[in-house]
Every structure is written in structure tokens, then in C-alpha cells.
């Protein structure tokens, strides 16, 4: 019942089957256990390594979710795709969960959702015309910049005595 169409279900399931095992393996690397930026790098590298197979599926899934069927306007909009990406980002950033406030952690995950995923890849390929290496560099740089900004913001709040 989560998926509005059979196409939506099949595309999402296929994308998950392609990406989940290698992503889970990359995020489980004990050498990166306490390194959120390193974990994000591993996540980005892994997703982009599987991009030739998964990005075409992502493009189809985006088409299915951009213009959803009309719904009751009184109901709040619900996500129309599985939370897989959010779960992976939370897992990658887990070392920061005890450092950042819950609000700051969730804001970081929301910001990372913008730069890590099919939408970012499509913008970098179709709008910027980047090759795969430049695409990976841009996504990795943006993800690291967001992590560093969240850490600096927390440190500044702590120094001012506003630790939430």
C-alpha cells in the first residue's frame, strides 16, 4: 500500500536490491566507525559505483514521484519514496548523533539528502555536464562541507553556552 503503482514498487525494489548490500558493507567498515565524513565519502563512492545500473532506475522513479496523484489537501504530504537514503545518511552520520542536538542532526540529514542521491547526480550530469570523477568530487565536497558546518555550528553554540 506504500507504493501507488506496481511500477513504483518494482523500480524501488530493484534499486534497493542493487544498492543495499554494497552500501551496508561500506558503512560497516570498522576503520570508519567514528568518522562521519569518511563514512559519507564511502557512501558516495559506493552509490556512484553502482550508478550506471541504478541511475536509470532513479530517473524512472523520479518521474513517477514528481507528479503524484491528487490527494486530499487536508492531509499532510508524506514522502513518496522509501526512506532508504535517509537511513543510510543517518547511519553514516551516526558518530555525530551524540554530539549534535537532535534538531541539528536532522537538519544535517535533510541537507545531505539534497546533495547525496539521484537528484544531485542528474543536476551534475545534465545541468553541469560533469564526468563521473568530477561528479564524485562535487558530491563528496558538498557532503563534507555540510558535516563540517554542522560541527562548527555546534562548537560555536557550545562556546556561547547555547549547547542544546
Protein backbone atom coordinates (compact mmCIF):
# COMPACT_ATOMS: atom_id res chain seq x y z
CA UNK A 1 0.00 0.00 0.00
CA UNK A 2 3.01 2.33 0.37
CA UNK A 3 3.60 2.39 -3.39
CA UNK A 4 0.91 3.94 -5.59
CA UNK A 5 1.70 1.72 -8.61
CA UNK A 6 3.27 -1.64 -9.36
CA UNK A 7 5.92 0.15 -11.47
CA UNK A 8 6.86 2.26 -8.47
CA UNK A 9 7.21 -0.84 -6.27
CA UNK A 10 9.29 -2.78 -8.81
CA UNK A 11 11.66 0.09 -9.56
CA UNK A 12 12.21 0.88 -5.87
CA UNK A 13 12.75 -2.79 -5.01
CA UNK A 14 15.24 -3.25 -7.84
CA UNK A 15 17.16 -0.12 -6.87
CA UNK A 16 17.26 -1.33 -3.28
CA UNK A 17 18.50 -4.78 -4.28
CA UNK A 18 21.30 -3.20 -6.33
CA UNK A 19 22.47 -0.69 -3.74
CA UNK A 20 21.70 -2.03 -0.27
CA UNK A 21 24.33 -4.80 0.06
CA UNK A 22 27.32 -2.70 -1.07
CA UNK A 23 26.18 0.37 0.88
CA UNK A 24 25.66 -1.64 4.06
CA UNK A 25 29.12 -3.18 3.61
CA UNK A 26 30.74 0.24 3.08
CA UNK A 27 29.03 1.73 6.14
CA UNK A 28 30.02 -1.24 8.29
CA UNK A 29 33.76 -0.65 7.74
CA UNK A 30 35.20 -0.61 11.28
CA UNK A 31 38.02 1.71 10.17
CA UNK A 32 35.38 4.43 9.64
CA UNK A 33 33.35 3.80 12.79
CA UNK A 34 33.99 7.23 14.33
CA UNK A 35 34.47 9.24 11.13
CA UNK A 36 31.21 10.69 9.77
CA UNK A 37 32.94 12.44 6.85
CA UNK A 38 34.78 9.23 5.93
CA UNK A 39 31.54 7.27 6.19
CA UNK A 40 29.82 9.78 3.89
CA UNK A 41 32.71 9.50 1.43
CA UNK A 42 32.31 5.70 1.45
CA UNK A 43 28.55 6.06 0.93
CA UNK A 44 29.00 8.46 -2.00
CA UNK A 45 31.72 6.30 -3.62
CA UNK A 46 29.57 3.20 -3.31
CA UNK A 47 26.40 4.82 -4.65
CA UNK A 48 28.29 6.30 -7.59
CA UNK A 49 30.00 2.97 -8.33
CA UNK A 50 26.55 1.43 -8.80
CA UNK A 51 25.18 4.48 -10.60
CA UNK A 52 25.39 3.02 -14.12
CA UNK A 53 22.79 0.44 -13.07
CA UNK A 54 20.77 2.44 -10.56
CA UNK A 55 20.59 5.96 -12.04
CA UNK A 56 18.33 4.91 -14.94
CA UNK A 57 16.01 3.39 -12.33
CA UNK A 58 16.28 6.57 -10.29
CA UNK A 59 15.27 8.68 -13.27
CA UNK A 60 12.19 6.50 -13.78
CA UNK A 61 11.33 6.63 -10.08
CA UNK A 62 11.65 10.41 -10.03
CA UNK A 63 9.25 10.62 -12.98
CA UNK A 64 6.75 8.54 -11.01
CA UNK A 65 7.04 10.69 -7.89
CA UNK A 66 7.35 14.22 -9.26
CA UNK A 67 3.68 14.48 -10.23
CA UNK A 68 1.82 12.40 -7.65
CA UNK A 69 -1.87 11.66 -7.97
CA UNK A 70 -4.18 14.28 -6.47
CA UNK A 71 -4.84 13.71 -2.79
CA UNK A 72 -6.88 15.24 -0.04
CA UNK A 73 -5.34 18.69 0.59
CA UNK A 74 -6.15 18.39 4.30
CA UNK A 75 -3.71 15.52 4.70
CA UNK A 76 -0.03 16.43 5.18
CA UNK A 77 2.21 15.41 2.29
CA UNK A 78 4.00 12.16 3.00
CA UNK A 79 7.28 11.07 1.44
CA UNK A 80 6.59 9.25 -1.81
CA UNK A 81 9.75 7.16 -1.82
CA UNK A 82 11.26 4.73 0.63
CA UNK A 83 13.40 6.22 3.40
CA UNK A 84 16.43 4.17 2.30
CA UNK A 85 18.62 7.22 1.53
CA UNK A 86 17.73 8.94 4.82
CA UNK A 87 18.54 5.74 6.74
CA UNK A 88 21.94 5.46 5.02
CA UNK A 89 22.74 9.11 5.72
CA UNK A 90 21.74 8.70 9.37
CA UNK A 91 23.90 5.61 9.60
CA UNK A 92 26.85 7.43 8.00
CA UNK A 93 26.45 10.38 10.39
CA UNK A 94 25.77 8.24 13.47
CA UNK A 95 29.05 9.32 15.16
CA UNK A 96 27.61 12.87 15.28
CA UNK A 97 24.29 11.88 16.88
CA UNK A 98 25.62 12.20 20.42
CA UNK A 99 27.42 15.46 19.60
CA UNK A 100 24.75 17.44 17.76
CA UNK A 101 21.33 18.30 19.09
CA UNK A 102 18.54 16.24 17.55
CA UNK A 103 17.38 19.32 15.64
CA UNK A 104 20.88 19.96 14.26
CA UNK A 105 21.34 16.29 13.39
CA UNK A 106 18.05 16.16 11.50
CA UNK A 107 18.85 19.43 9.68
CA UNK A 108 22.19 17.92 8.61
CA UNK A 109 20.45 14.78 7.32
CA UNK A 110 17.93 16.93 5.42
CA UNK A 111 20.72 18.99 3.84
CA UNK A 112 22.67 15.85 2.93
CA UNK A 113 19.54 14.46 1.27
CA UNK A 114 19.84 17.31 -1.22
CA UNK A 115 23.44 16.54 -2.20
CA UNK A 116 23.61 12.73 -1.98
CA UNK A 117 21.30 10.95 -4.37
CA UNK A 118 19.91 10.67 -7.85
CA UNK A 119 18.66 14.24 -7.97
CA UNK A 120 22.16 15.59 -7.34
CA UNK A 121 23.62 13.24 -9.92
CA UNK A 122 21.08 14.33 -12.51
CA UNK A 123 21.81 18.02 -11.85
CA UNK A 124 25.56 17.48 -12.03
CA UNK A 125 25.35 15.42 -15.23
CA UNK A 126 22.52 17.14 -17.08
CA UNK A 127 22.96 20.75 -15.94
CA UNK A 128 26.69 20.93 -15.24
CA UNK A 129 27.82 18.27 -17.72
CA UNK A 130 30.28 16.74 -15.26
CA UNK A 131 32.04 13.46 -15.86
CA UNK A 132 31.76 10.74 -13.17
CA UNK A 133 35.02 11.75 -11.41
CA UNK A 134 34.06 15.43 -11.19
CA UNK A 135 30.58 14.40 -10.08
CA UNK A 136 32.01 12.33 -7.21
CA UNK A 137 34.34 15.17 -6.21
CA UNK A 138 31.48 17.68 -6.12
CA UNK A 139 29.15 15.44 -4.11
CA UNK A 140 31.89 14.44 -1.68
CA UNK A 141 32.97 18.07 -1.23
CA UNK A 142 29.39 19.22 -0.58
CA UNK A 143 28.72 16.40 1.90
CA UNK A 144 31.94 17.12 3.81
CA UNK A 145 31.19 20.86 3.82
CA UNK A 146 27.79 20.19 5.40
CA UNK A 147 29.28 17.94 8.08
CA UNK A 148 31.98 20.50 8.85
CA UNK A 149 29.38 23.30 9.03
CA UNK A 150 27.24 21.28 11.46
CA UNK A 151 30.26 20.58 13.68
CA UNK A 152 31.39 24.25 13.62
CA UNK A 153 27.87 25.42 14.42
CA UNK A 154 27.76 23.04 17.40
CA UNK A 155 31.17 24.23 18.60
CA UNK A 156 30.12 27.89 18.32
CA UNK A 157 26.89 27.18 20.23
CA UNK A 158 28.86 25.36 22.92
CA UNK A 159 31.32 28.26 23.26
CA UNK A 160 28.43 30.71 23.61
CA UNK A 161 26.81 28.44 26.19
CA UNK A 162 23.89 27.60 23.92
CA UNK A 163 24.53 23.86 23.85
CA UNK A 164 21.19 22.26 23.14
